[in-house]
């Protein structure tokens, strides 16, 4: 769905980063700030590590 929406350009945002994601970043699995596009598991892991035990 995301690919269809972005095939003519533009960017997408997700709930876990402030980065505007391009289609090529999403498709390639690019990592920005330690996270991939809509990486909810990675987001929770990063936040758990920052909060400590």
PDB file of N, CA and C in Angstrom:
ATOM      1  N   UNK A   1       0.826  -1.187   0.000  1.00  0.00           N
ATOM      2  CA  UNK A   1       0.000   0.000   0.000  1.00  0.00           C
ATOM      3  C   UNK A   1       0.874   1.255   0.000  1.00  0.00           C
ATOM      4  N   UNK A   2       1.882   1.281   0.859  1.00  0.00           N
ATOM      5  CA  UNK A   2       2.769   2.444   0.925  1.00  0.00           C
ATOM      6  C   UNK A   2       3.444   2.678  -0.408  1.00  0.00           C
ATOM      7  N   UNK A   3       3.891   1.597  -1.039  1.00  0.00           N
ATOM      8  CA  UNK A   3       4.566   1.721  -2.333  1.00  0.00           C
ATOM      9  C   UNK A   3       3.641   2.348  -3.370  1.00  0.00           C
ATOM     10  N   UNK A   4       2.415   1.925  -3.391  1.00  0.00           N
ATOM     11  CA  UNK A   4       1.442   2.475  -4.334  1.00  0.00           C
ATOM     12  C   UNK A   4       1.254   3.980  -4.102  1.00  0.00           C
ATOM     13  N   UNK A   5       1.165   4.378  -2.852  1.00  0.00           N
ATOM     14  CA  UNK A   5       0.952   5.783  -2.537  1.00  0.00           C
ATOM     15  C   UNK A   5       2.163   6.655  -2.861  1.00  0.00           C
ATOM     16  N   UNK A   6       3.372   6.085  -2.760  1.00  0.00           N
ATOM     17  CA  UNK A   6       4.583   6.874  -2.951  1.00  0.00           C
ATOM     18  C   UNK A   6       5.234   6.698  -4.316  1.00  0.00           C
ATOM     19  N   UNK A   7       4.640   5.930  -5.194  1.00  0.00           N
ATOM     20  CA  UNK A   7       5.301   5.628  -6.467  1.00  0.00           C
ATOM     21  C   UNK A   7       5.567   6.866  -7.318  1.00  0.00           C
ATOM     22  N   UNK A   8       4.838   7.931  -7.115  1.00  0.00           N
ATOM     23  CA  UNK A   8       5.055   9.163  -7.881  1.00  0.00           C
ATOM     24  C   UNK A   8       5.808  10.222  -7.086  1.00  0.00           C
ATOM     25  N   UNK A   9       6.398   9.829  -5.969  1.00  0.00           N
ATOM     26  CA  UNK A   9       7.158  10.770  -5.144  1.00  0.00           C
ATOM     27  C   UNK A   9       6.489  10.998  -3.813  1.00  0.00           C
ATOM     28  N   UNK A  10       7.064  11.880  -3.066  1.00  0.00           N
ATOM     29  CA  UNK A  10       6.530  12.189  -1.753  1.00  0.00           C
ATOM     30  C   UNK A  10       7.228  11.384  -0.675  1.00  0.00           C
ATOM     31  N   UNK A  11       6.726  11.515   0.528  1.00  0.00           N
ATOM     32  CA  UNK A  11       7.298  10.825   1.679  1.00  0.00           C
ATOM     33  C   UNK A  11       6.177  10.288   2.563  1.00  0.00           C
ATOM     34  N   UNK A  12       6.571   9.376   3.443  1.00  0.00           N
ATOM     35  CA  UNK A  12       5.636   8.826   4.425  1.00  0.00           C
ATOM     36  C   UNK A  12       6.230   9.028   5.810  1.00  0.00           C
ATOM     37  N   UNK A  13       5.375   9.145   6.799  1.00  0.00           N
ATOM     38  CA  UNK A  13       5.828   9.235   8.180  1.00  0.00           C
ATOM     39  C   UNK A  13       5.222   8.072   8.957  1.00  0.00           C
ATOM     40  N   UNK A  14       5.858   7.756  10.070  1.00  0.00           N
ATOM     41  CA  UNK A  14       5.311   6.715  10.927  1.00  0.00           C
ATOM     42  C   UNK A  14       5.204   7.233  12.356  1.00  0.00           C
ATOM     43  N   UNK A  15       4.731   6.393  13.253  1.00  0.00           N
ATOM     44  CA  UNK A  15       4.509   6.804  14.639  1.00  0.00           C
ATOM     45  C   UNK A  15       5.764   6.730  15.494  1.00  0.00           C
ATOM     46  N   UNK A  16       6.868   6.227  14.937  1.00  0.00           N
ATOM     47  CA  UNK A  16       8.029   5.930  15.768  1.00  0.00           C
ATOM     48  C   UNK A  16       9.246   6.795  15.486  1.00  0.00           C
ATOM     49  N   UNK A  17       9.234   7.575  14.410  1.00  0.00           N
ATOM     50  CA  UNK A  17      10.342   8.462  14.085  1.00  0.00           C
ATOM     51  C   UNK A  17       9.787   9.796  13.588  1.00  0.00           C
ATOM     52  N   UNK A  18      10.654  10.770  13.526  1.00  0.00           N
ATOM     53  CA  UNK A  18      10.267  12.053  12.933  1.00  0.00           C
ATOM     54  C   UNK A  18      10.804  12.171  11.515  1.00  0.00           C
ATOM     55  N   UNK A  19      11.442  11.109  11.038  1.00  0.00           N
ATOM     56  CA  UNK A  19      12.053  11.108   9.708  1.00  0.00           C
ATOM     57  C   UNK A  19      10.990  10.971   8.612  1.00  0.00           C
ATOM     58  N   UNK A  20      11.055  11.802   7.564  1.00  0.00           N
ATOM     59  CA  UNK A  20      10.161  11.620   6.414  1.00  0.00           C
ATOM     60  C   UNK A  20      10.753  10.543   5.488  1.00  0.00           C
ATOM     61  N   UNK A  21      10.128   9.404   5.388  1.00  0.00           N
ATOM     62  CA  UNK A  21      10.645   8.234   4.666  1.00  0.00           C
ATOM     63  C   UNK A  21      10.295   8.295   3.185  1.00  0.00           C
ATOM     64  N   UNK A  22      11.309   8.083   2.339  1.00  0.00           N
ATOM     65  CA  UNK A  22      11.068   7.980   0.898  1.00  0.00           C
ATOM     66  C   UNK A  22      10.777   6.523   0.555  1.00  0.00           C
ATOM     67  N   UNK A  23      10.232   6.306  -0.604  1.00  0.00           N
ATOM     68  CA  UNK A  23       9.931   4.941  -1.034  1.00  0.00           C
ATOM     69  C   UNK A  23      11.200   4.095  -1.086  1.00  0.00           C
ATOM     70  N   UNK A  24      12.285   4.642  -1.616  1.00  0.00           N
ATOM     71  CA  UNK A  24      13.512   3.851  -1.717  1.00  0.00           C
ATOM     72  C   UNK A  24      14.051   3.472  -0.341  1.00  0.00           C
ATOM     73  N   UNK A  25      13.912   4.341   0.657  1.00  0.00           N
ATOM     74  CA  UNK A  25      14.340   4.002   2.019  1.00  0.00           C
ATOM     75  C   UNK A  25      13.489   2.883   2.600  1.00  0.00           C
ATOM     76  N   UNK A  26      12.202   2.945   2.380  1.00  0.00           N
ATOM     77  CA  UNK A  26      11.290   1.929   2.916  1.00  0.00           C
ATOM     78  C   UNK A  26      11.567   0.579   2.272  1.00  0.00           C
ATOM     79  N   UNK A  27      11.651   0.555   0.950  1.00  0.00           N
ATOM     80  CA  UNK A  27      11.847  -0.695   0.216  1.00  0.00           C
ATOM     81  C   UNK A  27      13.208  -1.322   0.535  1.00  0.00           C
ATOM     82  N   UNK A  28      14.233  -0.497   0.703  1.00  0.00           N
ATOM     83  CA  UNK A  28      15.573  -1.029   0.958  1.00  0.00           C
ATOM     84  C   UNK A  28      15.784  -1.443   2.407  1.00  0.00           C
ATOM     85  N   UNK A  29      14.854  -1.068   3.282  1.00  0.00           N
ATOM     86  CA  UNK A  29      15.016  -1.393   4.695  1.00  0.00           C
ATOM     87  C   UNK A  29      16.022  -0.494   5.388  1.00  0.00           C
ATOM     88  N   UNK A  30      16.154   0.729   4.903  1.00  0.00           N
ATOM     89  CA  UNK A  30      17.110   1.683   5.478  1.00  0.00           C
ATOM     90  C   UNK A  30      16.865   1.849   6.977  1.00  0.00           C
ATOM     91  N   UNK A  31      17.937   2.069   7.704  1.00  0.00           N
ATOM     92  CA  UNK A  31      17.867   2.293   9.148  1.00  0.00           C
ATOM     93  C   UNK A  31      18.256   3.746   9.422  1.00  0.00           C
ATOM     94  N   UNK A  32      17.348   4.484  10.029  1.00  0.00           N
ATOM     95  CA  UNK A  32      17.573   5.882  10.386  1.00  0.00           C
ATOM     96  C   UNK A  32      17.363   6.003  11.897  1.00  0.00           C
ATOM     97  N   UNK A  33      18.365   6.482  12.589  1.00  0.00           N
ATOM     98  CA  UNK A  33      18.238   6.621  14.041  1.00  0.00           C
ATOM     99  C   UNK A  33      18.022   5.297  14.747  1.00  0.00           C
ATOM    100  N   UNK A  34      18.520   4.220  14.153  1.00  0.00           N
ATOM    101  CA  UNK A  34      18.377   2.900  14.760  1.00  0.00           C
ATOM    102  C   UNK A  34      17.087   2.177  14.429  1.00  0.00           C
ATOM    103  N   UNK A  35      16.255   2.771  13.577  1.00  0.00           N
ATOM    104  CA  UNK A  35      14.948   2.177  13.268  1.00  0.00           C
ATOM    105  C   UNK A  35      14.694   2.111  11.771  1.00  0.00           C
ATOM    106  N   UNK A  36      13.931   1.114  11.369  1.00  0.00           N
ATOM    107  CA  UNK A  36      13.403   1.029  10.015  1.00  0.00           C
ATOM    108  C   UNK A  36      12.015   1.663  10.001  1.00  0.00           C
ATOM    109  N   UNK A  37      11.443   1.798   8.821  1.00  0.00           N
ATOM    110  CA  UNK A  37      10.100   2.359   8.697  1.00  0.00           C
ATOM    111  C   UNK A  37       9.102   1.513   9.483  1.00  0.00           C
ATOM    112  N   UNK A  38       8.327   2.142  10.315  1.00  0.00           N
ATOM    113  CA  UNK A  38       7.287   1.522  11.140  1.00  0.00           C
ATOM    114  C   UNK A  38       7.830   0.339  11.943  1.00  0.00           C
ATOM    115  N   UNK A  39       8.980   0.557  12.547  1.00  0.00           N
ATOM    116  CA  UNK A  39       9.685  -0.478  13.318  1.00  0.00           C
ATOM    117  C   UNK A  39       9.239  -0.423  14.775  1.00  0.00           C
ATOM    118  N   UNK A  40       8.012  -0.881  15.048  1.00  0.00           N
ATOM    119  CA  UNK A  40       7.479  -0.786  16.404  1.00  0.00           C
ATOM    120  C   UNK A  40       8.275  -1.621  17.389  1.00  0.00           C
ATOM    121  N   UNK A  41       8.745  -2.779  16.966  1.00  0.00           N
ATOM    122  CA  UNK A  41       9.550  -3.607  17.879  1.00  0.00           C
ATOM    123  C   UNK A  41      10.874  -2.932  18.210  1.00  0.00           C
ATOM    124  N   UNK A  42      11.552  -2.414  17.195  1.00  0.00           N
ATOM    125  CA  UNK A  42      12.811  -1.707  17.413  1.00  0.00           C
ATOM    126  C   UNK A  42      12.624  -0.481  18.286  1.00  0.00           C
ATOM    127  N   UNK A  43      11.529   0.224  18.084  1.00  0.00           N
ATOM    128  CA  UNK A  43      11.228   1.407  18.885  1.00  0.00           C
ATOM    129  C   UNK A  43      11.099   1.046  20.359  1.00  0.00           C
ATOM    130  N   UNK A  44      10.365  -0.011  20.636  1.00  0.00           N
ATOM    131  CA  UNK A  44      10.169  -0.424  22.030  1.00  0.00           C
ATOM    132  C   UNK A  44      11.467  -0.953  22.641  1.00  0.00           C
ATOM    133  N   UNK A  45      12.278  -1.623  21.839  1.00  0.00           N
ATOM    134  CA  UNK A  45      13.581  -2.086  22.330  1.00  0.00           C
ATOM    135  C   UNK A  45      14.479  -0.896  22.664  1.00  0.00           C
ATOM    136  N   UNK A  46      14.530   0.103  21.792  1.00  0.00           N
ATOM    137  CA  UNK A  46      15.350   1.285  22.055  1.00  0.00           C
ATOM    138  C   UNK A  46      14.887   2.017  23.314  1.00  0.00           C
ATOM    139  N   UNK A  47      13.594   2.139  23.470  1.00  0.00           N
ATOM    140  CA  UNK A  47      13.068   2.846  24.637  1.00  0.00           C
ATOM    141  C   UNK A  47      13.257   2.058  25.917  1.00  0.00           C
ATOM    142  N   UNK A  48      13.177   0.750  25.844  1.00  0.00           N
ATOM    143  CA  UNK A  48      13.407  -0.087  27.013  1.00  0.00           C
ATOM    144  C   UNK A  48      14.872   0.045  27.458  1.00  0.00           C
ATOM    145  N   UNK A  49      15.805   0.064  26.505  1.00  0.00           N
ATOM    146  CA  UNK A  49      17.227   0.195  26.815  1.00  0.00           C
ATOM    147  C   UNK A  49      17.522   1.562  27.431  1.00  0.00           C
ATOM    148  N   UNK A  50      16.859   2.607  26.965  1.00  0.00           N
ATOM    149  CA  UNK A  50      17.107   3.952  27.473  1.00  0.00           C
ATOM    150  C   UNK A  50      16.541   4.129  28.873  1.00  0.00           C
ATOM    151  N   UNK A  51      15.465   3.424  29.189  1.00  0.00           N
ATOM    152  CA  UNK A  51      14.834   3.544  30.504  1.00  0.00           C
ATOM    153  C   UNK A  51      15.571   2.745  31.570  1.00  0.00           C
ATOM    154  N   UNK A  52      16.312   1.734  31.142  1.00  0.00           N
ATOM    155  CA  UNK A  52      17.044   0.898  32.099  1.00  0.00           C
ATOM    156  C   UNK A  52      16.133  -0.117  32.761  1.00  0.00           C
ATOM    157  N   UNK A  53      16.702  -0.876  33.726  1.00  0.00           N
ATOM    158  CA  UNK A  53      15.901  -1.921  34.393  1.00  0.00           C
ATOM    159  C   UNK A  53      14.831  -1.379  35.298  1.00  0.00           C
TER     160      UNK A  53
END
